[in-house]
Amino acid sequence: MTVSLRPLLLVLPLMLGACGSVGVGVGIPVGPVTIGVGASNNGVSLGVGTGVGPVGVGVGVSPGGRVSAGVGVGTSTEIGNSGARVGVGVGTSTVIHDPDKPKD
């Protein structure tokens, strides 16, 4: 099985929460999407995303039920002939559902 981190890099900003967050994540491609988990100074979240070329979009959910949607761009390179990739990406996300936010 080949594990590619490139799609994750496009979703990583989403999984790591709002701008200003720093963290790490790992993703596994499953068909046209990547499923991943990230950990940051904002906590842990699970995400799913997809991309075309260097542009990606995704959705992430924290253990508390906070849902974020995001978009990013990234680049990566293969590590030797392993099939694994490493790279960098930047992006932005927004919270689309927060169960702790009071209802108006």
PDB file of N, CA and C in Angstrom:
ATOM      1  N   MET A   1       0.847  -1.180   0.000  1.00  0.00           N
ATOM      2  CA  MET A   1       0.000   0.000   0.000  1.00  0.00           C
ATOM      3  C   MET A   1       0.887   1.237   0.000  1.00  0.00           C
ATOM      4  N   THR A   2       0.594   2.188  -0.860  1.00  0.00           N
ATOM      5  CA  THR A   2       1.323   3.440  -0.919  1.00  0.00           C
ATOM      6  C   THR A   2       0.579   4.479  -0.104  1.00  0.00           C
ATOM      7  N   VAL A   3       1.289   5.114   0.813  1.00  0.00           N
ATOM      8  CA  VAL A   3       0.701   6.171   1.632  1.00  0.00           C
ATOM      9  C   VAL A   3       1.221   7.499   1.114  1.00  0.00           C
ATOM     10  N   SER A   4       0.335   8.345   0.651  1.00  0.00           N
ATOM     11  CA  SER A   4       0.710   9.659   0.141  1.00  0.00           C
ATOM     12  C   SER A   4       0.253  10.721   1.128  1.00  0.00           C
ATOM     13  N   LEU A   5       1.161  11.578   1.521  1.00  0.00           N
ATOM     14  CA  LEU A   5       0.807  12.660   2.437  1.00  0.00           C
ATOM     15  C   LEU A   5       0.368  13.922   1.702  1.00  0.00           C
ATOM     16  N   ARG A   6       0.513  13.970   0.370  1.00  0.00           N
ATOM     17  CA  ARG A   6       0.177  15.178  -0.377  1.00  0.00           C
ATOM     18  C   ARG A   6      -1.254  15.631  -0.157  1.00  0.00           C
ATOM     19  N   PRO A   7      -2.256  14.758  -0.289  1.00  0.00           N
ATOM     20  CA  PRO A   7      -3.617  15.241  -0.039  1.00  0.00           C
ATOM     21  C   PRO A   7      -3.804  15.732   1.398  1.00  0.00           C
ATOM     22  N   LEU A   8      -3.118  15.114   2.339  1.00  0.00           N
ATOM     23  CA  LEU A   8      -3.234  15.564   3.721  1.00  0.00           C
ATOM     24  C   LEU A   8      -2.728  16.983   3.869  1.00  0.00           C
ATOM     25  N   LEU A   9      -1.652  17.302   3.191  1.00  0.00           N
ATOM     26  CA  LEU A   9      -1.086  18.637   3.318  1.00  0.00           C
ATOM     27  C   LEU A   9      -2.085  19.703   2.914  1.00  0.00           C
ATOM     28  N   LEU A  10      -2.984  19.356   2.036  1.00  0.00           N
ATOM     29  CA  LEU A  10      -3.993  20.306   1.609  1.00  0.00           C
ATOM     30  C   LEU A  10      -5.102  20.443   2.631  1.00  0.00           C
ATOM     31  N   VAL A  11      -5.293  19.446   3.435  1.00  0.00           N
ATOM     32  CA  VAL A  11      -6.351  19.437   4.439  1.00  0.00           C
ATOM     33  C   VAL A  11      -5.809  19.767   5.816  1.00  0.00           C
ATOM     34  N   LEU A  12      -4.516  19.657   6.000  1.00  0.00           N
ATOM     35  CA  LEU A  12      -3.902  19.858   7.304  1.00  0.00           C
ATOM     36  C   LEU A  12      -4.317  21.160   7.976  1.00  0.00           C
ATOM     37  N   PRO A  13      -4.326  22.299   7.263  1.00  0.00           N
ATOM     38  CA  PRO A  13      -4.756  23.519   7.961  1.00  0.00           C
ATOM     39  C   PRO A  13      -6.158  23.406   8.524  1.00  0.00           C
ATOM     40  N   LEU A  14      -7.031  22.723   7.806  1.00  0.00           N
ATOM     41  CA  LEU A  14      -8.392  22.520   8.283  1.00  0.00           C
ATOM     42  C   LEU A  14      -8.399  21.674   9.540  1.00  0.00           C
ATOM     43  N   MET A  15      -7.666  20.558   9.499  1.00  0.00           N
ATOM     44  CA  MET A  15      -7.678  19.636  10.630  1.00  0.00           C
ATOM     45  C   MET A  15      -7.040  20.262  11.860  1.00  0.00           C
ATOM     46  N   LEU A  16      -6.167  21.190  11.667  1.00  0.00           N
ATOM     47  CA  LEU A  16      -5.478  21.792  12.796  1.00  0.00           C
ATOM     48  C   LEU A  16      -6.210  22.987  13.365  1.00  0.00           C
ATOM     49  N   GLY A  17      -7.340  23.327  12.804  1.00  0.00           N
ATOM     50  CA  GLY A  17      -8.159  24.375  13.378  1.00  0.00           C
ATOM     51  C   GLY A  17      -7.953  25.724  12.725  1.00  0.00           C
ATOM     52  N   ALA A  18      -8.209  26.755  13.473  1.00  0.00           N
ATOM     53  CA  ALA A  18      -8.194  28.118  12.945  1.00  0.00           C
ATOM     54  C   ALA A  18      -6.782  28.594  12.629  1.00  0.00           C
ATOM     55  N   CYS A  19      -6.708  29.701  11.913  1.00  0.00           N
ATOM     56  CA  CYS A  19      -5.410  30.303  11.601  1.00  0.00           C
ATOM     57  C   CYS A  19      -4.646  30.571  12.892  1.00  0.00           C
ATOM     58  N   GLY A  20      -3.351  30.500  12.844  1.00  0.00           N
ATOM     59  CA  GLY A  20      -2.542  30.700  14.029  1.00  0.00           C
ATOM     60  C   GLY A  20      -2.284  29.412  14.782  1.00  0.00           C
ATOM     61  N   SER A  21      -2.834  28.335  14.324  1.00  0.00           N
ATOM     62  CA  SER A  21      -2.635  27.038  14.942  1.00  0.00           C
ATOM     63  C   SER A  21      -1.400  26.363  14.350  1.00  0.00           C
ATOM     64  N   VAL A  22      -0.679  25.638  15.187  1.00  0.00           N
ATOM     65  CA  VAL A  22       0.497  24.891  14.735  1.00  0.00           C
ATOM     66  C   VAL A  22       0.337  23.453  15.179  1.00  0.00           C
ATOM     67  N   GLY A  23       0.625  22.503  14.282  1.00  0.00           N
ATOM     68  CA  GLY A  23       0.480  21.103  14.653  1.00  0.00           C
ATOM     69  C   GLY A  23       0.998  20.170  13.582  1.00  0.00           C
ATOM     70  N   VAL A  24       0.693  18.884  13.754  1.00  0.00           N
ATOM     71  CA  VAL A  24       1.104  17.843  12.813  1.00  0.00           C
ATOM     72  C   VAL A  24      -0.083  16.926  12.541  1.00  0.00           C
ATOM     73  N   GLY A  25       0.005  16.207  11.420  1.00  0.00           N
ATOM     74  CA  GLY A  25      -1.070  15.289  11.086  1.00  0.00           C
ATOM     75  C   GLY A  25      -0.603  14.192  10.159  1.00  0.00           C
ATOM     76  N   VAL A  26      -1.415  13.164  10.046  1.00  0.00           N
ATOM     77  CA  VAL A  26      -1.142  12.032   9.165  1.00  0.00           C
ATOM     78  C   VAL A  26      -2.439  11.689   8.445  1.00  0.00           C
ATOM     79  N   GLY A  27      -2.324  11.383   7.150  1.00  0.00           N
ATOM     80  CA  GLY A  27      -3.505  11.024   6.373  1.00  0.00           C
ATOM     81  C   GLY A  27      -3.257   9.827   5.486  1.00  0.00           C
ATOM     82  N   ILE A  28      -4.322   9.106   5.193  1.00  0.00           N
ATOM     83  CA  ILE A  28      -4.261   7.934   4.317  1.00  0.00           C
ATOM     84  C   ILE A  28      -5.251   8.155   3.176  1.00  0.00           C
ATOM     85  N   PRO A  29      -4.774   8.121   1.926  1.00  0.00           N
ATOM     86  CA  PRO A  29      -5.700   8.246   0.802  1.00  0.00           C
ATOM     87  C   PRO A  29      -6.632   7.036   0.714  1.00  0.00           C
ATOM     88  N   VAL A  30      -7.903   7.295   0.541  1.00  0.00           N
ATOM     89  CA  VAL A  30      -8.915   6.252   0.361  1.00  0.00           C
ATOM     90  C   VAL A  30      -9.740   6.672  -0.851  1.00  0.00           C
ATOM     91  N   GLY A  31      -9.399   6.120  -1.999  1.00  0.00           N
ATOM     92  CA  GLY A  31     -10.055   6.557  -3.228  1.00  0.00           C
ATOM     93  C   GLY A  31      -9.730   8.006  -3.496  1.00  0.00           C
ATOM     94  N   PRO A  32     -10.747   8.816  -3.802  1.00  0.00           N
ATOM     95  CA  PRO A  32     -10.500  10.220  -4.145  1.00  0.00           C
ATOM     96  C   PRO A  32     -10.349  11.153  -2.940  1.00  0.00           C
ATOM     97  N   VAL A  33     -10.453  10.631  -1.726  1.00  0.00           N
ATOM     98  CA  VAL A  33     -10.341  11.467  -0.526  1.00  0.00           C
ATOM     99  C   VAL A  33      -9.187  10.992   0.349  1.00  0.00           C
ATOM    100  N   THR A  34      -8.798  11.846   1.287  1.00  0.00           N
ATOM    101  CA  THR A  34      -7.807  11.491   2.296  1.00  0.00           C
ATOM    102  C   THR A  34      -8.465  11.606   3.655  1.00  0.00           C
ATOM    103  N   ILE A  35      -8.283  10.586   4.479  1.00  0.00           N
ATOM    104  CA  ILE A  35      -8.795  10.598   5.846  1.00  0.00           C
ATOM    105  C   ILE A  35      -7.588  10.766   6.752  1.00  0.00           C
ATOM    106  N   GLY A  36      -7.668  11.715   7.665  1.00  0.00           N
ATOM    107  CA  GLY A  36      -6.506  11.980   8.501  1.00  0.00           C
ATOM    108  C   GLY A  36      -6.864  12.399   9.902  1.00  0.00           C
ATOM    109  N   VAL A  37      -5.835  12.428  10.739  1.00  0.00           N
ATOM    110  CA  VAL A  37      -5.957  12.902  12.110  1.00  0.00           C
ATOM    111  C   VAL A  37      -4.848  13.909  12.343  1.00  0.00           C
ATOM    112  N   GLY A  38      -5.175  14.981  13.045  1.00  0.00           N
ATOM    113  CA  GLY A  38      -4.198  16.018  13.341  1.00  0.00           C
ATOM    114  C   GLY A  38      -4.217  16.379  14.807  1.00  0.00           C
ATOM    115  N   ALA A  39      -3.087  16.856  15.295  1.00  0.00           N
ATOM    116  CA  ALA A  39      -2.984  17.327  16.678  1.00  0.00           C
ATOM    117  C   ALA A  39      -2.303  18.690  16.655  1.00  0.00           C
ATOM    118  N   SER A  40      -2.867  19.627  17.400  1.00  0.00           N
ATOM    119  CA  SER A  40      -2.320  20.980  17.428  1.00  0.00           C
ATOM    120  C   SER A  40      -2.497  21.584  18.805  1.00  0.00           C
ATOM    121  N   ASN A  41      -2.092  22.861  18.923  1.00  0.00           N
ATOM    122  CA  ASN A  41      -2.307  23.564  20.175  1.00  0.00           C
ATOM    123  C   ASN A  41      -3.794  23.785  20.443  1.00  0.00           C
ATOM    124  N   ASN A  42      -4.654  23.521  19.459  1.00  0.00           N
ATOM    125  CA  ASN A  42      -6.105  23.612  19.645  1.00  0.00           C
ATOM    126  C   ASN A  42      -6.748  22.266  19.960  1.00  0.00           C
ATOM    127  N   GLY A  43      -5.956  21.196  20.018  1.00  0.00           N
ATOM    128  CA  GLY A  43      -6.492  19.872  20.313  1.00  0.00           C
ATOM    129  C   GLY A  43      -6.349  18.915  19.142  1.00  0.00           C
ATOM    130  N   VAL A  44      -7.109  17.834  19.185  1.00  0.00           N
ATOM    131  CA  VAL A  44      -7.062  16.777  18.177  1.00  0.00           C
ATOM    132  C   VAL A  44      -8.316  16.862  17.322  1.00  0.00           C
ATOM    133  N   SER A  45      -8.181  16.549  16.028  1.00  0.00           N
ATOM    134  CA  SER A  45      -9.374  16.465  15.191  1.00  0.00           C
ATOM    135  C   SER A  45      -9.189  15.443  14.091  1.00  0.00           C
ATOM    136  N   LEU A  46     -10.308  14.974  13.578  1.00  0.00           N
ATOM    137  CA  LEU A  46     -10.363  14.008  12.493  1.00  0.00           C
ATOM    138  C   LEU A  46     -10.879  14.743  11.273  1.00  0.00           C
ATOM    139  N   GLY A  47     -10.260  14.488  10.103  1.00  0.00           N
ATOM    140  CA  GLY A  47     -10.676  15.215   8.915  1.00  0.00           C
ATOM    141  C   GLY A  47     -10.752  14.344   7.682  1.00  0.00           C
ATOM    142  N   VAL A  48     -11.457  14.849   6.688  1.00  0.00           N
ATOM    143  CA  VAL A  48     -11.524  14.224   5.373  1.00  0.00           C
ATOM    144  C   VAL A  48     -11.456  15.343   4.345  1.00  0.00           C
ATOM    145  N   GLY A  49     -10.693  15.100   3.281  1.00  0.00           N
ATOM    146  CA  GLY A  49     -10.555  16.134   2.271  1.00  0.00           C
ATOM    147  C   GLY A  49     -10.167  15.553   0.932  1.00  0.00           C
ATOM    148  N   THR A  50     -10.146  16.419  -0.054  1.00  0.00           N
ATOM    149  CA  THR A  50      -9.765  16.033  -1.406  1.00  0.00           C
ATOM    150  C   THR A  50      -9.117  17.224  -2.075  1.00  0.00           C
ATOM    151  N   GLY A  51      -8.404  16.969  -3.153  1.00  0.00           N
ATOM    152  CA  GLY A  51      -7.740  18.061  -3.842  1.00  0.00           C
ATOM    153  C   GLY A  51      -7.551  17.775  -5.314  1.00  0.00           C
ATOM    154  N   VAL A  52      -7.305  18.851  -6.057  1.00  0.00           N
ATOM    155  CA  VAL A  52      -6.969  18.771  -7.469  1.00  0.00           C
ATOM    156  C   VAL A  52      -5.719  19.620  -7.645  1.00  0.00           C
ATOM    157  N   GLY A  53      -4.636  18.988  -8.103  1.00  0.00           N
ATOM    158  CA  GLY A  53      -3.373  19.711  -8.191  1.00  0.00           C
ATOM    159  C   GLY A  53      -2.956  20.160  -6.807  1.00  0.00           C
ATOM    160  N   PRO A  54      -2.514  21.398  -6.674  1.00  0.00           N
ATOM    161  CA  PRO A  54      -2.061  21.870  -5.360  1.00  0.00           C
ATOM    162  C   PRO A  54      -3.176  22.394  -4.457  1.00  0.00           C
ATOM    163  N   VAL A  55      -4.419  22.413  -4.924  1.00  0.00           N
ATOM    164  CA  VAL A  55      -5.528  22.997  -4.165  1.00  0.00           C
ATOM    165  C   VAL A  55      -6.372  21.896  -3.543  1.00  0.00           C
ATOM    166  N   GLY A  56      -6.707  22.069  -2.274  1.00  0.00           N
ATOM    167  CA  GLY A  56      -7.521  21.077  -1.586  1.00  0.00           C
ATOM    168  C   GLY A  56      -8.582  21.708  -0.718  1.00  0.00           C
ATOM    169  N   VAL A  57      -9.625  20.937  -0.423  1.00  0.00           N
ATOM    170  CA  VAL A  57     -10.701  21.350   0.467  1.00  0.00           C
ATOM    171  C   VAL A  57     -11.000  20.197   1.412  1.00  0.00           C
ATOM    172  N   GLY A  58     -11.571  20.513   2.556  1.00  0.00           N
ATOM    173  CA  GLY A  58     -11.899  19.450   3.483  1.00  0.00           C
ATOM    174  C   GLY A  58     -12.780  19.895   4.624  1.00  0.00           C
ATOM    175  N   VAL A  59     -13.141  18.923   5.451  1.00  0.00           N
ATOM    176  CA  VAL A  59     -13.968  19.137   6.632  1.00  0.00           C
ATOM    177  C   VAL A  59     -13.317  18.388   7.787  1.00  0.00           C
ATOM    178  N   GLY A  60     -13.269  19.019   8.956  1.00  0.00           N
ATOM    179  CA  GLY A  60     -12.697  18.386  10.138  1.00  0.00           C
ATOM    180  C   GLY A  60     -13.640  18.475  11.317  1.00  0.00           C
ATOM    181  N   VAL A  61     -13.543  17.503  12.236  1.00  0.00           N
ATOM    182  CA  VAL A  61     -14.388  17.461  13.427  1.00  0.00           C
ATOM    183  C   VAL A  61     -13.518  17.205  14.646  1.00  0.00           C
ATOM    184  N   SER A  62     -13.687  18.034  15.677  1.00  0.00           N
ATOM    185  CA  SER A  62     -12.965  17.836  16.930  1.00  0.00           C
ATOM    186  C   SER A  62     -13.740  16.882  17.826  1.00  0.00           C
ATOM    187  N   PRO A  63     -13.107  16.324  18.868  1.00  0.00           N
ATOM    188  CA  PRO A  63     -13.830  15.425  19.772  1.00  0.00           C
ATOM    189  C   PRO A  63     -15.048  16.076  20.426  1.00  0.00           C
ATOM    190  N   GLY A  64     -15.029  17.398  20.580  1.00  0.00           N
ATOM    191  CA  GLY A  64     -16.164  18.102  21.176  1.00  0.00           C
ATOM    192  C   GLY A  64     -17.294  18.382  20.209  1.00  0.00           C
ATOM    193  N   GLY A  65     -17.147  17.979  18.937  1.00  0.00           N
ATOM    194  CA  GLY A  65     -18.200  18.165  17.964  1.00  0.00           C
ATOM    195  C   GLY A  65     -18.098  19.433  17.138  1.00  0.00           C
ATOM    196  N   ARG A  66     -17.042  20.208  17.295  1.00  0.00           N
ATOM    197  CA  ARG A  66     -16.851  21.421  16.499  1.00  0.00           C
ATOM    198  C   ARG A  66     -16.468  21.021  15.076  1.00  0.00           C
ATOM    199  N   VAL A  67     -17.197  21.541  14.089  1.00  0.00           N
ATOM    200  CA  VAL A  67     -16.976  21.198  12.680  1.00  0.00           C
ATOM    201  C   VAL A  67     -16.398  22.410  11.964  1.00  0.00           C
ATOM    202  N   SER A  68     -15.314  22.194  11.221  1.00  0.00           N
ATOM    203  CA  SER A  68     -14.676  23.259  10.455  1.00  0.00           C
ATOM    204  C   SER A  68     -14.581  22.850   8.991  1.00  0.00           C
ATOM    205  N   ALA A  69     -14.622  23.836   8.104  1.00  0.00           N
ATOM    206  CA  ALA A  69     -14.419  23.622   6.669  1.00  0.00           C
ATOM    207  C   ALA A  69     -13.259  24.504   6.248  1.00  0.00           C
ATOM    208  N   GLY A  70     -12.440  24.002   5.337  1.00  0.00           N
ATOM    209  CA  GLY A  70     -11.284  24.784   4.941  1.00  0.00           C
ATOM    210  C   GLY A  70     -10.821  24.525   3.540  1.00  0.00           C
ATOM    211  N   VAL A  71      -9.905  25.376   3.097  1.00  0.00           N
ATOM    212  CA  VAL A  71      -9.289  25.279   1.782  1.00  0.00           C
ATOM    213  C   VAL A  71      -7.812  25.609   1.949  1.00  0.00           C
ATOM    214  N   GLY A  72      -6.959  24.976   1.141  1.00  0.00           N
ATOM    215  CA  GLY A  72      -5.529  25.233   1.239  1.00  0.00           C
ATOM    216  C   GLY A  72      -4.799  24.883  -0.037  1.00  0.00           C
ATOM    217  N   VAL A  73      -3.525  25.240  -0.076  1.00  0.00           N
ATOM    218  CA  VAL A  73      -2.642  24.877  -1.174  1.00  0.00           C
ATOM    219  C   VAL A  73      -1.387  24.270  -0.583  1.00  0.00           C
ATOM    220  N   GLY A  74      -0.776  23.347  -1.291  1.00  0.00           N
ATOM    221  CA  GLY A  74       0.410  22.697  -0.766  1.00  0.00           C
ATOM    222  C   GLY A  74       1.256  22.066  -1.838  1.00  0.00           C
ATOM    223  N   THR A  75       2.420  21.623  -1.436  1.00  0.00           N
ATOM    224  CA  THR A  75       3.332  20.928  -2.326  1.00  0.00           C
ATOM    225  C   THR A  75       4.056  19.856  -1.524  1.00  0.00           C
ATOM    226  N   SER A  76       4.518  18.818  -2.213  1.00  0.00           N
ATOM    227  CA  SER A  76       5.216  17.744  -1.512  1.00  0.00           C
ATOM    228  C   SER A  76       6.194  17.065  -2.447  1.00  0.00           C
ATOM    229  N   THR A  77       7.011  16.206  -1.862  1.00  0.00           N
ATOM    230  CA  THR A  77       7.970  15.432  -2.629  1.00  0.00           C
ATOM    231  C   THR A  77       8.047  14.025  -2.049  1.00  0.00           C
ATOM    232  N   GLU A  78       8.347  13.059  -2.905  1.00  0.00           N
ATOM    233  CA  GLU A  78       8.451  11.672  -2.448  1.00  0.00           C
ATOM    234  C   GLU A  78       9.731  11.482  -1.649  1.00  0.00           C
ATOM    235  N   ILE A  79       9.668  10.653  -0.611  1.00  0.00           N
ATOM    236  CA  ILE A  79      10.830  10.321   0.207  1.00  0.00           C
ATOM    237  C   ILE A  79      11.484   9.094  -0.413  1.00  0.00           C
ATOM    238  N   GLY A  80      12.591   9.321  -1.126  1.00  0.00           N
ATOM    239  CA  GLY A  80      13.263   8.214  -1.815  1.00  0.00           C
ATOM    240  C   GLY A  80      12.316   7.535  -2.780  1.00  0.00           C
ATOM    241  N   ASN A  81      12.298   6.203  -2.772  1.00  0.00           N
ATOM    242  CA  ASN A  81      11.371   5.426  -3.600  1.00  0.00           C
ATOM    243  C   ASN A  81      10.318   4.741  -2.732  1.00  0.00           C
ATOM    244  N   SER A  82      10.022   5.324  -1.573  1.00  0.00           N
ATOM    245  CA  SER A  82       9.150   4.681  -0.597  1.00  0.00           C
ATOM    246  C   SER A  82       7.664   4.787  -0.910  1.00  0.00           C
ATOM    247  N   GLY A  83       7.284   5.746  -1.734  1.00  0.00           N
ATOM    248  CA  GLY A  83       5.862   5.993  -1.961  1.00  0.00           C
ATOM    249  C   GLY A  83       5.293   6.957  -0.937  1.00  0.00           C
ATOM    250  N   ALA A  84       5.996   7.183   0.175  1.00  0.00           N
ATOM    251  CA  ALA A  84       5.568   8.161   1.181  1.00  0.00           C
ATOM    252  C   ALA A  84       6.009   9.543   0.729  1.00  0.00           C
ATOM    253  N   ARG A  85       5.264  10.561   1.122  1.00  0.00           N
ATOM    254  CA  ARG A  85       5.571  11.931   0.723  1.00  0.00           C
ATOM    255  C   ARG A  85       5.642  12.835   1.937  1.00  0.00           C
ATOM    256  N   VAL A  86       6.394  13.904   1.801  1.00  0.00           N
ATOM    257  CA  VAL A  86       6.487  14.923   2.835  1.00  0.00           C
ATOM    258  C   VAL A  86       6.403  16.273   2.143  1.00  0.00           C
ATOM    259  N   GLY A  87       5.803  17.243   2.809  1.00  0.00           N
ATOM    260  CA  GLY A  87       5.667  18.546   2.182  1.00  0.00           C
ATOM    261  C   GLY A  87       5.111  19.581   3.123  1.00  0.00           C
ATOM    262  N   VAL A  88       4.686  20.693   2.549  1.00  0.00           N
ATOM    263  CA  VAL A  88       4.142  21.802   3.325  1.00  0.00           C
ATOM    264  C   VAL A  88       2.868  22.301   2.658  1.00  0.00           C
ATOM    265  N   GLY A  89       2.024  22.933   3.446  1.00  0.00           N
ATOM    266  CA  GLY A  89       0.801  23.514   2.914  1.00  0.00           C
ATOM    267  C   GLY A  89       0.341  24.660   3.790  1.00  0.00           C
ATOM    268  N   VAL A  90      -0.426  25.559   3.218  1.00  0.00           N
ATOM    269  CA  VAL A  90      -1.030  26.658   3.960  1.00  0.00           C
ATOM    270  C   VAL A  90      -2.498  26.722   3.587  1.00  0.00           C
ATOM    271  N   GLY A  91      -3.293  27.251   4.481  1.00  0.00           N
ATOM    272  CA  GLY A  91      -4.713  27.346   4.180  1.00  0.00           C
ATOM    273  C   GLY A  91      -5.454  28.119   5.237  1.00  0.00           C
ATOM    274  N   THR A  92      -6.738  28.142   5.082  1.00  0.00           N
ATOM    275  CA  THR A  92      -7.598  28.823   6.027  1.00  0.00           C
ATOM    276  C   THR A  92      -8.838  27.968   6.273  1.00  0.00           C
ATOM    277  N   SER A  93      -9.417  28.138   7.438  1.00  0.00           N
ATOM    278  CA  SER A  93     -10.627  27.384   7.750  1.00  0.00           C
ATOM    279  C   SER A  93     -11.571  28.250   8.563  1.00  0.00           C
ATOM    280  N   THR A  94     -12.800  27.792   8.629  1.00  0.00           N
ATOM    281  CA  THR A  94     -13.799  28.484   9.421  1.00  0.00           C
ATOM    282  C   THR A  94     -14.674  27.448  10.121  1.00  0.00           C
ATOM    283  N   VAL A  95     -15.119  27.788  11.314  1.00  0.00           N
ATOM    284  CA  VAL A  95     -16.016  26.903  12.060  1.00  0.00           C
ATOM    285  C   VAL A  95     -17.406  27.029  11.465  1.00  0.00           C
ATOM    286  N   ILE A  96     -17.979  25.890  11.051  1.00  0.00           N
ATOM    287  CA  ILE A  96     -19.327  25.915  10.477  1.00  0.00           C
ATOM    288  C   ILE A  96     -20.381  25.381  11.451  1.00  0.00           C
ATOM    289  N   HIS A  97     -19.909  24.743  12.530  1.00  0.00           N
ATOM    290  CA  HIS A  97     -20.832  24.299  13.572  1.00  0.00           C
ATOM    291  C   HIS A  97     -20.059  24.193  14.899  1.00  0.00           C
ATOM    292  N   ASP A  98     -20.576  24.858  15.927  1.00  0.00           N
ATOM    293  CA  ASP A  98     -19.972  24.797  17.256  1.00  0.00           C
ATOM    294  C   ASP A  98     -21.064  24.484  18.267  1.00  0.00           C
ATOM    295  N   PRO A  99     -21.066  23.244  18.822  1.00  0.00           N
ATOM    296  CA  PRO A  99     -22.135  22.873  19.743  1.00  0.00           C
ATOM    297  C   PRO A  99     -22.124  23.680  21.031  1.00  0.00           C
ATOM    298  N   ASP A 100     -21.022  24.360  21.323  1.00  0.00           N
ATOM    299  CA  ASP A 100     -20.948  25.158  22.552  1.00  0.00           C
ATOM    300  C   ASP A 100     -21.410  26.596  22.354  1.00  0.00           C
ATOM    301  N   LYS A 101     -21.631  26.998  21.105  1.00  0.00           N
ATOM    302  CA  LYS A 101     -22.088  28.352  20.824  1.00  0.00           C
ATOM    303  C   LYS A 101     -23.571  28.461  21.159  1.00  0.00           C
ATOM    304  N   PRO A 102     -23.944  29.468  21.940  1.00  0.00           N
ATOM    305  CA  PRO A 102     -25.372  29.631  22.287  1.00  0.00           C
ATOM    306  C   PRO A 102     -26.235  29.841  21.053  1.00  0.00           C
ATOM    307  N   LYS A 103     -27.418  29.266  21.061  1.00  0.00           N
ATOM    308  CA  LYS A 103     -28.373  29.439  19.968  1.00  0.00           C
ATOM    309  C   LYS A 103     -28.997  30.821  20.086  1.00  0.00           C
ATOM    310  N   ASP A 104     -29.181  31.468  18.947  1.00  0.00           N
ATOM    311  CA  ASP A 104     -29.823  32.802  18.954  1.00  0.00           C
ATOM    312  C   ASP A 104     -31.305  32.681  18.876  1.00  0.00           C
TER     313      ASP A 104
END
